Structures are given as structure tokens and as C-alpha cells.
């Protein structure tokens, strides 16, 4: 199962457009395919929302204490 699918997300939803790393890349996200976004995240992991918490089936992206606690329960 792919990471984005675990969180019911599309690959571009993993991209933190407010991060310094992303801003420094100066790319037009609208012009990228999901595969290109995945490559961008592979090469620039700090451009991804963090933290990522998974149980192998579900994914919580970003700091969301309630959802994190629910996943860990």
C-alpha cells in the first residue's frame, strides 16, 4: 500500500507548500504529475508534512494530536 493511500490522500497532499524546503525549490506544483511530486519528495523529504505516523494501514500526516492518539490507541 502506498503512503498517500494510507491517509486517503493524493501524493501532492503530502507536500508542505509552506516549508522552507519547498519554497526554496521554486516549482509550480500545478505543473507536476503525481509521479513528479513523488520524485520531488524523494529527493527533498523536508518538503513533506511531518511528522508521519502509521500503523501500516492508516496514516496521520502532520501534528494532529487527536488523530495521532486515536491511531496509537
N, C-alpha and C. Protein backbone atom coordinates (compact mmCIF):
# COMPACT_ATOMS: atom_id res chain seq x y z
N UNK A 1 0.85 -1.18 0.00
CA UNK A 1 0.00 0.00 0.00
C UNK A 1 0.89 1.24 0.00
N UNK A 2 0.54 2.21 -0.81
CA UNK A 2 1.33 3.42 -0.91
C UNK A 2 1.03 4.35 0.25
N UNK A 3 2.02 5.15 0.62
CA UNK A 3 1.92 6.06 1.75
C UNK A 3 0.70 6.98 1.65
N UNK A 4 0.51 7.65 0.54
CA UNK A 4 -0.61 8.57 0.39
C UNK A 4 -1.94 7.83 0.54
N UNK A 5 -2.02 6.63 0.01
CA UNK A 5 -3.27 5.86 0.09
C UNK A 5 -3.63 5.54 1.53
N UNK A 6 -2.64 5.31 2.39
CA UNK A 6 -2.91 5.02 3.79
C UNK A 6 -3.64 6.17 4.47
N UNK A 7 -3.37 7.39 4.03
CA UNK A 7 -4.01 8.56 4.61
C UNK A 7 -5.18 9.06 3.79
N UNK A 8 -5.63 8.26 2.82
CA UNK A 8 -6.68 8.69 1.90
C UNK A 8 -6.34 10.03 1.26
N UNK A 9 -5.10 10.15 0.82
CA UNK A 9 -4.59 11.38 0.23
C UNK A 9 -4.10 11.13 -1.18
N UNK A 10 -3.96 12.19 -1.92
CA UNK A 10 -3.25 12.16 -3.19
C UNK A 10 -1.80 12.51 -2.89
N UNK A 11 -0.87 12.07 -3.70
CA UNK A 11 0.55 12.33 -3.46
C UNK A 11 0.84 13.83 -3.24
N UNK A 12 0.29 14.74 -4.04
CA UNK A 12 0.58 16.16 -3.80
C UNK A 12 0.13 16.66 -2.42
N UNK A 13 -0.83 15.97 -1.77
CA UNK A 13 -1.28 16.37 -0.44
C UNK A 13 -0.23 16.14 0.63
N UNK A 14 0.78 15.36 0.33
CA UNK A 14 1.88 15.13 1.28
C UNK A 14 2.88 16.29 1.27
N UNK A 15 2.80 17.12 0.27
CA UNK A 15 3.75 18.21 0.08
C UNK A 15 3.36 19.40 0.94
N UNK A 16 4.27 19.84 1.78
CA UNK A 16 4.05 21.00 2.64
C UNK A 16 4.50 22.25 1.88
N UNK A 17 3.54 22.90 1.25
CA UNK A 17 3.86 24.06 0.42
C UNK A 17 4.36 25.24 1.23
N UNK A 18 4.20 25.21 2.55
CA UNK A 18 4.68 26.29 3.40
C UNK A 18 6.08 26.07 3.94
N UNK A 19 6.67 24.91 3.64
CA UNK A 19 8.01 24.62 4.17
C UNK A 19 9.08 25.43 3.45
N UNK A 20 10.14 25.74 4.17
CA UNK A 20 11.26 26.45 3.56
C UNK A 20 11.85 25.66 2.40
N UNK A 21 11.92 24.35 2.58
CA UNK A 21 12.48 23.50 1.53
C UNK A 21 11.68 23.63 0.24
N UNK A 22 10.34 23.54 0.36
CA UNK A 22 9.51 23.65 -0.84
C UNK A 22 9.64 25.02 -1.46
N UNK A 23 9.58 26.05 -0.65
CA UNK A 23 9.69 27.41 -1.17
C UNK A 23 11.02 27.61 -1.90
N UNK A 24 12.08 27.00 -1.38
CA UNK A 24 13.38 27.12 -2.00
C UNK A 24 13.49 26.42 -3.35
N UNK A 25 12.61 25.46 -3.59
CA UNK A 25 12.64 24.73 -4.86
C UNK A 25 12.07 25.55 -6.01
N UNK A 26 11.18 26.48 -5.67
CA UNK A 26 10.58 27.37 -6.66
C UNK A 26 10.01 26.59 -7.86
N UNK A 27 9.11 25.63 -7.53
CA UNK A 27 8.45 24.85 -8.56
C UNK A 27 6.96 25.18 -8.58
N UNK A 28 6.35 25.03 -9.72
CA UNK A 28 4.92 25.21 -9.87
C UNK A 28 4.27 23.85 -9.67
N UNK A 29 3.70 23.64 -8.49
CA UNK A 29 3.12 22.34 -8.15
C UNK A 29 2.03 21.94 -9.13
N UNK A 30 1.32 22.91 -9.67
CA UNK A 30 0.25 22.62 -10.61
C UNK A 30 0.72 22.02 -11.91
N UNK A 31 2.00 22.19 -12.22
CA UNK A 31 2.54 21.67 -13.47
C UNK A 31 3.16 20.29 -13.31
N UNK A 32 3.13 19.74 -12.08
CA UNK A 32 3.77 18.45 -11.82
C UNK A 32 2.75 17.32 -11.77
N UNK A 33 3.13 16.17 -12.29
CA UNK A 33 2.31 14.97 -12.17
C UNK A 33 2.52 14.39 -10.77
N UNK A 34 1.62 13.51 -10.31
CA UNK A 34 1.84 12.86 -9.01
C UNK A 34 3.19 12.13 -8.95
N UNK A 35 3.61 11.54 -10.06
CA UNK A 35 4.89 10.85 -10.10
C UNK A 35 6.04 11.84 -9.91
N UNK A 36 5.92 13.02 -10.51
CA UNK A 36 6.96 14.03 -10.35
C UNK A 36 7.00 14.57 -8.92
N UNK A 37 5.82 14.72 -8.31
CA UNK A 37 5.76 15.16 -6.91
C UNK A 37 6.41 14.11 -6.02
N UNK A 38 6.14 12.83 -6.29
CA UNK A 38 6.76 11.75 -5.52
C UNK A 38 8.28 11.80 -5.65
N UNK A 39 8.77 12.06 -6.85
CA UNK A 39 10.22 12.20 -7.06
C UNK A 39 10.78 13.40 -6.32
N UNK A 40 10.04 14.49 -6.33
CA UNK A 40 10.46 15.70 -5.62
C UNK A 40 10.55 15.41 -4.12
N UNK A 41 9.54 14.69 -3.58
CA UNK A 41 9.56 14.35 -2.15
C UNK A 41 10.68 13.36 -1.83
N UNK A 42 10.95 12.47 -2.75
CA UNK A 42 12.05 11.53 -2.56
C UNK A 42 13.38 12.26 -2.44
N UNK A 43 13.57 13.24 -3.31
CA UNK A 43 14.82 13.99 -3.33
C UNK A 43 14.89 15.08 -2.26
N UNK A 44 13.72 15.51 -1.76
CA UNK A 44 13.64 16.62 -0.80
C UNK A 44 12.65 16.27 0.31
N UNK A 45 12.97 15.29 1.17
CA UNK A 45 12.00 14.84 2.16
C UNK A 45 11.55 15.92 3.14
N UNK A 46 12.33 16.96 3.32
CA UNK A 46 11.91 18.03 4.23
C UNK A 46 10.78 18.87 3.64
N UNK A 47 10.42 18.63 2.40
CA UNK A 47 9.29 19.32 1.79
C UNK A 47 7.97 18.62 2.10
N UNK A 48 8.04 17.51 2.83
CA UNK A 48 6.85 16.74 3.16
C UNK A 48 6.33 17.19 4.53
N UNK A 49 5.00 17.09 4.70
CA UNK A 49 4.43 17.33 6.02
C UNK A 49 5.03 16.34 7.00
N UNK A 50 5.31 16.81 8.20
CA UNK A 50 5.85 15.96 9.25
C UNK A 50 5.15 16.29 10.55
N UNK A 51 5.09 15.40 11.48
CA UNK A 51 5.54 14.02 11.41
C UNK A 51 4.57 13.16 10.60
N UNK A 52 5.04 11.98 10.26
CA UNK A 52 4.21 10.96 9.64
C UNK A 52 4.10 9.82 10.65
N UNK A 53 2.89 9.39 10.94
CA UNK A 53 2.68 8.30 11.88
C UNK A 53 1.77 7.28 11.22
N UNK A 54 2.21 6.04 11.22
CA UNK A 54 1.42 4.98 10.59
C UNK A 54 1.44 3.72 11.43
N UNK A 55 0.39 2.94 11.28
CA UNK A 55 0.34 1.61 11.89
C UNK A 55 0.48 0.55 10.80
N UNK A 56 0.83 0.99 9.59
CA UNK A 56 0.97 0.09 8.46
C UNK A 56 -0.29 0.02 7.60
N UNK A 57 -1.39 0.53 8.13
CA UNK A 57 -2.65 0.53 7.40
C UNK A 57 -3.23 1.93 7.26
N UNK A 58 -3.03 2.74 8.28
CA UNK A 58 -3.52 4.11 8.30
C UNK A 58 -2.35 5.06 8.47
N UNK A 59 -2.58 6.32 8.11
CA UNK A 59 -1.52 7.33 8.16
C UNK A 59 -2.07 8.63 8.72
N UNK A 60 -1.31 9.23 9.63
CA UNK A 60 -1.60 10.58 10.11
C UNK A 60 -0.46 11.45 9.63
N UNK A 61 -0.81 12.53 8.93
CA UNK A 61 0.18 13.43 8.35
C UNK A 61 0.11 14.76 9.09
N UNK A 62 1.24 15.22 9.59
CA UNK A 62 1.30 16.48 10.31
C UNK A 62 1.00 16.27 11.79
N UNK A 63 1.18 17.32 12.56
CA UNK A 63 0.99 17.24 14.01
C UNK A 63 -0.49 17.42 14.33
N UNK A 64 -1.17 16.29 14.53
CA UNK A 64 -2.60 16.26 14.85
C UNK A 64 -2.76 15.35 16.05
N UNK A 65 -2.60 15.91 17.27
CA UNK A 65 -2.59 15.07 18.48
C UNK A 65 -3.78 14.13 18.62
N UNK A 66 -4.99 14.59 18.33
CA UNK A 66 -6.17 13.73 18.48
C UNK A 66 -6.10 12.53 17.55
N UNK A 67 -5.75 12.77 16.30
CA UNK A 67 -5.67 11.68 15.33
C UNK A 67 -4.49 10.76 15.63
N UNK A 68 -3.40 11.32 16.14
CA UNK A 68 -2.23 10.52 16.50
C UNK A 68 -2.59 9.59 17.64
N UNK A 69 -3.27 10.13 18.67
CA UNK A 69 -3.67 9.32 19.82
C UNK A 69 -4.64 8.23 19.40
N UNK A 70 -5.56 8.56 18.52
CA UNK A 70 -6.53 7.59 18.02
C UNK A 70 -5.81 6.44 17.30
N UNK A 71 -4.81 6.75 16.52
CA UNK A 71 -4.07 5.72 15.78
C UNK A 71 -3.28 4.83 16.76
N UNK A 72 -2.75 5.42 17.81
CA UNK A 72 -1.93 4.67 18.76
C UNK A 72 -2.77 3.85 19.75
N UNK A 73 -4.04 4.20 19.88
CA UNK A 73 -4.91 3.50 20.86
C UNK A 73 -5.23 2.08 20.43
